[in-house]
N, C-alpha and C. Protein backbone atom coordinates (compact mmCIF):
# COMPACT_ATOMS: atom_id res chain seq x y z
N MET A 1 18.66 16.19 -15.43
CA MET A 1 19.09 15.51 -16.63
C MET A 1 17.91 14.77 -17.27
N SER A 2 17.07 14.17 -16.44
CA SER A 2 15.93 13.42 -16.95
C SER A 2 15.00 14.31 -17.77
N ARG A 3 14.81 15.52 -17.28
CA ARG A 3 13.91 16.46 -17.97
C ARG A 3 14.47 16.84 -19.35
N ILE A 4 15.76 17.00 -19.43
CA ILE A 4 16.39 17.35 -20.70
C ILE A 4 16.21 16.22 -21.70
N ILE A 5 16.40 15.00 -21.25
CA ILE A 5 16.24 13.85 -22.14
C ILE A 5 14.79 13.73 -22.58
N GLN A 6 13.85 14.04 -21.69
CA GLN A 6 12.44 14.01 -22.09
C GLN A 6 12.16 15.00 -23.21
N TRP A 7 12.73 16.19 -23.11
CA TRP A 7 12.55 17.18 -24.16
C TRP A 7 13.21 16.74 -25.46
N LEU A 8 14.37 16.13 -25.36
CA LEU A 8 15.02 15.60 -26.56
C LEU A 8 14.17 14.53 -27.23
N LEU A 9 13.57 13.67 -26.41
CA LEU A 9 12.70 12.62 -26.97
C LEU A 9 11.44 13.23 -27.59
N LYS A 10 11.00 14.32 -27.05
CA LYS A 10 9.79 14.95 -27.56
C LYS A 10 10.05 15.72 -28.86
N LEU A 11 11.17 16.41 -28.95
CA LEU A 11 11.39 17.33 -30.05
C LEU A 11 12.37 16.86 -31.12
N SER A 12 13.05 15.77 -30.90
CA SER A 12 14.09 15.32 -31.83
C SER A 12 13.52 14.55 -33.00
N SER A 13 14.38 14.32 -33.96
CA SER A 13 14.02 13.51 -35.12
C SER A 13 13.91 12.05 -34.69
N PRO A 14 13.23 11.23 -35.47
CA PRO A 14 13.08 9.81 -35.11
C PRO A 14 14.42 9.09 -34.93
N GLN A 15 15.41 9.42 -35.72
CA GLN A 15 16.71 8.76 -35.59
C GLN A 15 17.39 9.10 -34.27
N VAL A 16 17.31 10.36 -33.86
CA VAL A 16 17.90 10.78 -32.58
C VAL A 16 17.16 10.10 -31.43
N LYS A 17 15.84 10.00 -31.54
CA LYS A 17 15.06 9.32 -30.51
C LYS A 17 15.51 7.87 -30.37
N LYS A 18 15.68 7.18 -31.50
CA LYS A 18 16.13 5.79 -31.46
C LYS A 18 17.50 5.67 -30.81
N ASP A 19 18.39 6.61 -31.12
CA ASP A 19 19.73 6.58 -30.54
C ASP A 19 19.70 6.80 -29.03
N ILE A 20 18.85 7.72 -28.59
CA ILE A 20 18.73 8.00 -27.15
C ILE A 20 18.19 6.76 -26.43
N VAL A 21 17.15 6.18 -26.97
CA VAL A 21 16.55 4.99 -26.35
C VAL A 21 17.56 3.85 -26.32
N LYS A 22 18.29 3.68 -27.39
CA LYS A 22 19.31 2.62 -27.47
C LYS A 22 20.36 2.80 -26.38
N GLU A 23 20.75 4.04 -26.12
CA GLU A 23 21.74 4.32 -25.07
C GLU A 23 21.18 4.08 -23.67
N LEU A 24 19.89 4.36 -23.49
CA LEU A 24 19.29 4.28 -22.15
C LEU A 24 18.77 2.88 -21.79
N LEU A 25 18.52 2.05 -22.77
CA LEU A 25 17.92 0.74 -22.52
C LEU A 25 18.64 -0.11 -21.49
N PRO A 26 19.97 -0.18 -21.50
CA PRO A 26 20.63 -1.01 -20.47
C PRO A 26 20.43 -0.50 -19.03
N PHE A 27 20.00 0.74 -18.89
CA PHE A 27 19.83 1.32 -17.56
C PHE A 27 18.37 1.42 -17.14
N THR A 28 17.49 0.77 -17.87
CA THR A 28 16.05 0.90 -17.63
C THR A 28 15.66 0.50 -16.21
N VAL A 29 16.18 -0.60 -15.73
CA VAL A 29 15.80 -1.08 -14.39
C VAL A 29 16.27 -0.09 -13.32
N ALA A 30 17.48 0.41 -13.46
CA ALA A 30 17.98 1.40 -12.50
C ALA A 30 17.19 2.71 -12.60
N MET A 31 16.83 3.08 -13.81
CA MET A 31 16.09 4.33 -14.00
C MET A 31 14.69 4.26 -13.42
N ILE A 32 14.04 3.12 -13.56
CA ILE A 32 12.67 3.00 -13.06
C ILE A 32 12.64 3.05 -11.52
N LYS A 33 13.75 2.71 -10.89
CA LYS A 33 13.84 2.77 -9.43
C LYS A 33 14.16 4.17 -8.91
N SER A 34 14.61 5.04 -9.79
CA SER A 34 14.99 6.39 -9.39
C SER A 34 13.77 7.30 -9.29
N LYS A 35 13.83 8.20 -8.34
CA LYS A 35 12.73 9.11 -8.09
C LYS A 35 12.42 9.99 -9.30
N TYR A 36 13.44 10.42 -10.01
CA TYR A 36 13.25 11.35 -11.11
C TYR A 36 13.27 10.68 -12.48
N SER A 37 14.13 9.73 -12.68
CA SER A 37 14.24 9.16 -14.02
C SER A 37 13.14 8.14 -14.31
N ASN A 38 12.36 7.75 -13.31
CA ASN A 38 11.26 6.84 -13.62
C ASN A 38 10.21 7.54 -14.48
N ALA A 39 10.13 8.86 -14.39
CA ALA A 39 9.23 9.62 -15.27
C ALA A 39 9.70 9.52 -16.72
N LEU A 40 10.99 9.43 -16.91
CA LEU A 40 11.54 9.28 -18.26
C LEU A 40 11.16 7.92 -18.85
N VAL A 41 11.23 6.88 -18.03
CA VAL A 41 10.83 5.55 -18.49
C VAL A 41 9.35 5.55 -18.86
N LYS A 42 8.54 6.18 -18.04
CA LYS A 42 7.11 6.25 -18.34
C LYS A 42 6.87 7.05 -19.62
N HIS A 43 7.62 8.12 -19.81
CA HIS A 43 7.51 8.92 -21.03
C HIS A 43 7.88 8.08 -22.26
N MET A 44 8.93 7.27 -22.14
CA MET A 44 9.32 6.42 -23.26
C MET A 44 8.25 5.37 -23.54
N LEU A 45 7.58 4.89 -22.49
CA LEU A 45 6.49 3.93 -22.68
C LEU A 45 5.28 4.58 -23.34
N LYS A 46 5.01 5.83 -22.98
CA LYS A 46 3.86 6.53 -23.54
C LYS A 46 4.08 6.94 -24.98
N SER A 47 5.23 7.51 -25.27
CA SER A 47 5.41 8.14 -26.58
C SER A 47 6.35 7.38 -27.51
N GLY A 48 6.92 6.28 -27.05
CA GLY A 48 7.84 5.53 -27.89
C GLY A 48 7.13 4.72 -28.96
N ASP A 49 7.88 4.29 -29.95
CA ASP A 49 7.30 3.41 -30.97
C ASP A 49 7.17 2.00 -30.40
N GLU A 50 6.56 1.11 -31.16
CA GLU A 50 6.31 -0.25 -30.68
C GLU A 50 7.59 -0.98 -30.29
N ASN A 51 8.64 -0.81 -31.08
CA ASN A 51 9.91 -1.47 -30.79
C ASN A 51 10.46 -0.99 -29.45
N THR A 52 10.41 0.31 -29.21
CA THR A 52 10.89 0.87 -27.94
C THR A 52 10.11 0.30 -26.77
N LYS A 53 8.79 0.29 -26.89
CA LYS A 53 7.95 -0.23 -25.81
C LYS A 53 8.25 -1.70 -25.53
N ASN A 54 8.39 -2.48 -26.59
CA ASN A 54 8.69 -3.91 -26.42
C ASN A 54 10.04 -4.12 -25.76
N GLU A 55 11.04 -3.34 -26.14
CA GLU A 55 12.37 -3.47 -25.55
C GLU A 55 12.35 -3.10 -24.06
N ILE A 56 11.62 -2.07 -23.71
CA ILE A 56 11.54 -1.67 -22.30
C ILE A 56 10.86 -2.75 -21.48
N ILE A 57 9.75 -3.26 -21.98
CA ILE A 57 9.03 -4.30 -21.25
C ILE A 57 9.89 -5.57 -21.14
N LYS A 58 10.61 -5.89 -22.19
CA LYS A 58 11.50 -7.06 -22.15
C LYS A 58 12.59 -6.85 -21.09
N ALA A 59 13.07 -5.62 -20.95
CA ALA A 59 14.09 -5.34 -19.93
C ALA A 59 13.52 -5.42 -18.52
N LEU A 60 12.24 -5.10 -18.36
CA LEU A 60 11.62 -5.10 -17.04
C LEU A 60 11.14 -6.49 -16.60
N GLN A 61 10.82 -7.35 -17.54
CA GLN A 61 10.21 -8.65 -17.20
C GLN A 61 10.99 -9.48 -16.19
N PRO A 62 12.30 -9.63 -16.29
CA PRO A 62 12.98 -10.47 -15.30
C PRO A 62 13.02 -9.87 -13.89
N HIS A 63 12.62 -8.61 -13.77
CA HIS A 63 12.72 -7.92 -12.49
C HIS A 63 11.36 -7.54 -11.91
N VAL A 64 10.31 -8.19 -12.36
CA VAL A 64 8.95 -7.83 -11.96
C VAL A 64 8.78 -7.88 -10.45
N VAL A 65 9.27 -8.93 -9.82
CA VAL A 65 9.06 -9.10 -8.38
C VAL A 65 9.75 -7.98 -7.60
N THR A 66 10.98 -7.67 -7.92
CA THR A 66 11.69 -6.61 -7.19
C THR A 66 11.11 -5.24 -7.50
N LEU A 67 10.70 -5.01 -8.73
CA LEU A 67 10.14 -3.70 -9.09
C LEU A 67 8.76 -3.50 -8.48
N LEU A 68 8.01 -4.57 -8.34
CA LEU A 68 6.68 -4.48 -7.75
C LEU A 68 6.75 -4.07 -6.28
N SER A 69 7.81 -4.46 -5.61
CA SER A 69 7.95 -4.11 -4.20
C SER A 69 8.72 -2.81 -3.99
N HIS A 70 9.05 -2.12 -5.05
CA HIS A 70 9.78 -0.86 -4.96
C HIS A 70 8.78 0.30 -5.04
N THR A 71 8.91 1.27 -4.15
CA THR A 71 7.93 2.35 -4.03
C THR A 71 7.80 3.18 -5.30
N THR A 72 8.89 3.59 -5.89
CA THR A 72 8.80 4.46 -7.06
C THR A 72 8.66 3.67 -8.37
N ALA A 73 9.11 2.43 -8.38
CA ALA A 73 9.06 1.65 -9.61
C ALA A 73 7.70 1.01 -9.86
N SER A 74 6.99 0.66 -8.81
CA SER A 74 5.75 -0.10 -8.99
C SER A 74 4.68 0.64 -9.80
N PRO A 75 4.48 1.96 -9.64
CA PRO A 75 3.46 2.61 -10.49
C PRO A 75 3.81 2.57 -11.98
N VAL A 76 5.07 2.71 -12.31
CA VAL A 76 5.48 2.67 -13.72
C VAL A 76 5.36 1.24 -14.25
N LEU A 77 5.72 0.27 -13.42
CA LEU A 77 5.56 -1.13 -13.82
C LEU A 77 4.09 -1.45 -14.07
N MET A 78 3.23 -0.97 -13.20
CA MET A 78 1.79 -1.21 -13.39
C MET A 78 1.29 -0.53 -14.66
N TYR A 79 1.78 0.67 -14.95
CA TYR A 79 1.41 1.35 -16.19
C TYR A 79 1.86 0.52 -17.40
N ALA A 80 3.09 0.03 -17.33
CA ALA A 80 3.61 -0.79 -18.43
C ALA A 80 2.75 -2.03 -18.63
N HIS A 81 2.37 -2.65 -17.53
CA HIS A 81 1.54 -3.87 -17.61
C HIS A 81 0.14 -3.56 -18.13
N ASP A 82 -0.49 -2.56 -17.55
CA ASP A 82 -1.90 -2.29 -17.85
C ASP A 82 -2.11 -1.60 -19.19
N GLN A 83 -1.24 -0.67 -19.55
CA GLN A 83 -1.49 0.17 -20.71
C GLN A 83 -0.67 -0.19 -21.95
N VAL A 84 0.50 -0.79 -21.79
CA VAL A 84 1.42 -0.93 -22.90
C VAL A 84 1.63 -2.39 -23.32
N ALA A 85 1.73 -3.28 -22.37
CA ALA A 85 2.11 -4.66 -22.66
C ALA A 85 1.06 -5.40 -23.48
N SER A 86 1.55 -6.26 -24.35
CA SER A 86 0.66 -7.13 -25.13
C SER A 86 0.18 -8.26 -24.21
N PRO A 87 -0.84 -9.00 -24.62
CA PRO A 87 -1.30 -10.12 -23.77
C PRO A 87 -0.20 -11.13 -23.45
N ALA A 88 0.67 -11.41 -24.40
CA ALA A 88 1.77 -12.36 -24.14
C ALA A 88 2.75 -11.78 -23.12
N GLN A 89 3.02 -10.48 -23.21
CA GLN A 89 3.94 -9.85 -22.26
C GLN A 89 3.31 -9.79 -20.87
N LYS A 90 2.01 -9.53 -20.80
CA LYS A 90 1.31 -9.53 -19.51
C LYS A 90 1.39 -10.90 -18.86
N LEU A 91 1.20 -11.93 -19.67
CA LEU A 91 1.28 -13.30 -19.16
C LEU A 91 2.67 -13.59 -18.61
N ALA A 92 3.69 -13.18 -19.33
CA ALA A 92 5.07 -13.41 -18.87
C ALA A 92 5.34 -12.65 -17.58
N MET A 93 4.81 -11.45 -17.46
CA MET A 93 5.00 -10.67 -16.23
C MET A 93 4.30 -11.33 -15.05
N ARG A 94 3.08 -11.85 -15.29
CA ARG A 94 2.37 -12.55 -14.21
C ARG A 94 3.08 -13.83 -13.82
N GLN A 95 3.64 -14.54 -14.78
CA GLN A 95 4.33 -15.78 -14.48
C GLN A 95 5.56 -15.55 -13.61
N GLU A 96 6.14 -14.36 -13.69
CA GLU A 96 7.27 -14.03 -12.82
C GLU A 96 6.88 -14.09 -11.35
N LEU A 97 5.62 -13.82 -11.06
CA LEU A 97 5.15 -13.82 -9.67
C LEU A 97 4.98 -15.22 -9.10
N TYR A 98 4.94 -16.24 -9.95
CA TYR A 98 4.69 -17.60 -9.50
C TYR A 98 5.94 -18.32 -9.02
N GLY A 99 7.05 -17.65 -9.02
CA GLY A 99 8.28 -18.25 -8.52
C GLY A 99 9.21 -18.71 -9.62
N GLY A 100 10.34 -19.23 -9.21
CA GLY A 100 11.41 -19.59 -10.14
C GLY A 100 11.04 -20.65 -11.16
N LEU A 101 10.08 -21.50 -10.86
CA LEU A 101 9.74 -22.58 -11.77
C LEU A 101 9.10 -22.08 -13.06
N TYR A 102 8.30 -21.04 -12.97
CA TYR A 102 7.57 -20.58 -14.14
C TYR A 102 8.08 -19.25 -14.69
N GLU A 103 9.19 -18.75 -14.17
CA GLU A 103 9.75 -17.49 -14.66
C GLU A 103 10.14 -17.63 -16.12
N SER A 104 9.64 -16.74 -16.91
CA SER A 104 10.01 -16.61 -18.32
C SER A 104 9.91 -17.91 -19.11
N THR A 105 8.98 -18.78 -18.73
CA THR A 105 8.82 -20.00 -19.51
C THR A 105 8.07 -19.72 -20.80
N GLY A 106 7.20 -18.72 -20.76
CA GLY A 106 6.43 -18.41 -21.94
C GLY A 106 5.38 -19.46 -22.23
N ASP A 107 5.04 -20.27 -21.24
CA ASP A 107 4.04 -21.31 -21.41
C ASP A 107 2.66 -20.66 -21.52
N LYS A 108 2.07 -20.73 -22.68
CA LYS A 108 0.80 -20.06 -22.94
C LYS A 108 -0.38 -20.78 -22.28
N LYS A 109 -0.15 -22.00 -21.79
CA LYS A 109 -1.22 -22.74 -21.13
C LYS A 109 -1.46 -22.22 -19.72
N ILE A 110 -0.49 -21.52 -19.17
CA ILE A 110 -0.58 -21.06 -17.79
C ILE A 110 -1.00 -19.60 -17.77
N ASN A 111 -2.28 -19.37 -17.51
CA ASN A 111 -2.80 -18.01 -17.44
C ASN A 111 -3.03 -17.55 -16.00
N CYS A 112 -3.18 -18.49 -15.10
CA CYS A 112 -3.43 -18.15 -13.70
C CYS A 112 -2.90 -19.27 -12.81
N LEU A 113 -3.01 -19.08 -11.52
CA LEU A 113 -2.52 -20.10 -10.59
C LEU A 113 -3.28 -21.41 -10.72
N GLY A 114 -4.56 -21.35 -11.03
CA GLY A 114 -5.35 -22.57 -11.20
C GLY A 114 -4.80 -23.47 -12.29
N ASP A 115 -4.30 -22.86 -13.35
CA ASP A 115 -3.71 -23.66 -14.44
C ASP A 115 -2.46 -24.39 -13.97
N ILE A 116 -1.69 -23.75 -13.13
CA ILE A 116 -0.47 -24.38 -12.59
C ILE A 116 -0.85 -25.56 -11.70
N PHE A 117 -1.88 -25.35 -10.86
CA PHE A 117 -2.28 -26.40 -9.93
C PHE A 117 -2.83 -27.62 -10.66
N GLU A 118 -3.51 -27.39 -11.79
CA GLU A 118 -4.01 -28.51 -12.58
C GLU A 118 -2.85 -29.27 -13.22
N GLN A 119 -1.85 -28.53 -13.67
CA GLN A 119 -0.71 -29.14 -14.36
C GLN A 119 0.19 -29.91 -13.39
N SER A 120 0.43 -29.33 -12.22
CA SER A 120 1.30 -30.00 -11.25
C SER A 120 0.78 -29.74 -9.83
N PRO A 121 -0.17 -30.55 -9.38
CA PRO A 121 -0.78 -30.34 -8.06
C PRO A 121 0.21 -30.48 -6.90
N GLU A 122 1.29 -31.24 -7.10
CA GLU A 122 2.27 -31.42 -6.02
C GLU A 122 3.04 -30.14 -5.72
N MET A 123 3.03 -29.18 -6.64
CA MET A 123 3.76 -27.93 -6.45
C MET A 123 2.90 -26.84 -5.82
N LYS A 124 1.66 -27.14 -5.52
CA LYS A 124 0.71 -26.13 -5.05
C LYS A 124 1.22 -25.38 -3.82
N THR A 125 1.66 -26.10 -2.80
CA THR A 125 2.10 -25.45 -1.56
C THR A 125 3.32 -24.57 -1.79
N ALA A 126 4.27 -25.05 -2.56
CA ALA A 126 5.49 -24.26 -2.81
C ALA A 126 5.18 -22.99 -3.60
N ILE A 127 4.34 -23.12 -4.62
CA ILE A 127 4.01 -21.96 -5.45
C ILE A 127 3.18 -20.96 -4.66
N LEU A 128 2.23 -21.44 -3.87
CA LEU A 128 1.43 -20.53 -3.04
C LEU A 128 2.30 -19.82 -2.02
N SER A 129 3.27 -20.51 -1.47
CA SER A 129 4.18 -19.89 -0.50
C SER A 129 4.99 -18.77 -1.14
N VAL A 130 5.55 -19.04 -2.31
CA VAL A 130 6.35 -18.02 -3.01
C VAL A 130 5.48 -16.84 -3.42
N THR A 131 4.30 -17.13 -3.95
CA THR A 131 3.39 -16.06 -4.38
C THR A 131 2.94 -15.22 -3.20
N LYS A 132 2.66 -15.87 -2.07
CA LYS A 132 2.24 -15.14 -0.86
C LYS A 132 3.36 -14.22 -0.38
N LYS A 133 4.60 -14.71 -0.37
CA LYS A 133 5.74 -13.88 0.04
C LYS A 133 5.90 -12.68 -0.88
N THR A 134 5.73 -12.91 -2.17
CA THR A 134 5.87 -11.83 -3.14
C THR A 134 4.80 -10.76 -2.93
N ILE A 135 3.57 -11.19 -2.73
CA ILE A 135 2.48 -10.24 -2.54
C ILE A 135 2.66 -9.47 -1.24
N LEU A 136 3.01 -10.16 -0.17
CA LEU A 136 3.23 -9.47 1.11
C LEU A 136 4.37 -8.47 1.03
N LYS A 137 5.43 -8.84 0.34
CA LYS A 137 6.58 -7.94 0.18
C LYS A 137 6.17 -6.70 -0.60
N SER A 138 5.36 -6.87 -1.63
CA SER A 138 4.96 -5.70 -2.41
C SER A 138 3.97 -4.82 -1.67
N LEU A 139 3.19 -5.41 -0.77
CA LEU A 139 2.24 -4.61 0.02
C LEU A 139 2.92 -3.83 1.15
N GLN A 140 4.08 -4.30 1.60
CA GLN A 140 4.78 -3.67 2.72
C GLN A 140 5.80 -2.63 2.29
N LYS A 141 5.73 -2.18 1.06
CA LYS A 141 6.73 -1.23 0.58
C LYS A 141 6.64 0.11 1.19
């Protein structure tokens, strides 16, 4: 089924493409975890218009930690981060790794862990602990 949708996205008119993407957007997180449909998500990131790419990245942002530790989802997530995401979206994705306190805050002052430690030094141990768990979990996939 994924292959058929890829061909439809490749050969259809712009309106049909928008309709297909609109139908698939709510299932983006489930699709990126699937062995076969994650290629469809990557295809939409490669060949979609700016609105499509932004919507997909917005759908993935709250799930960065779980997707990073997923075997089939992590390469597509990394592609989305490295090749497609804007600097603001990259920042939001990185902030997801710092734990619940900085998830989706959109605080532009926080570009790295050092910025967090300067802003609130008392949170250093808690944030390092959460970040360490996240990194270890993603490495053990």
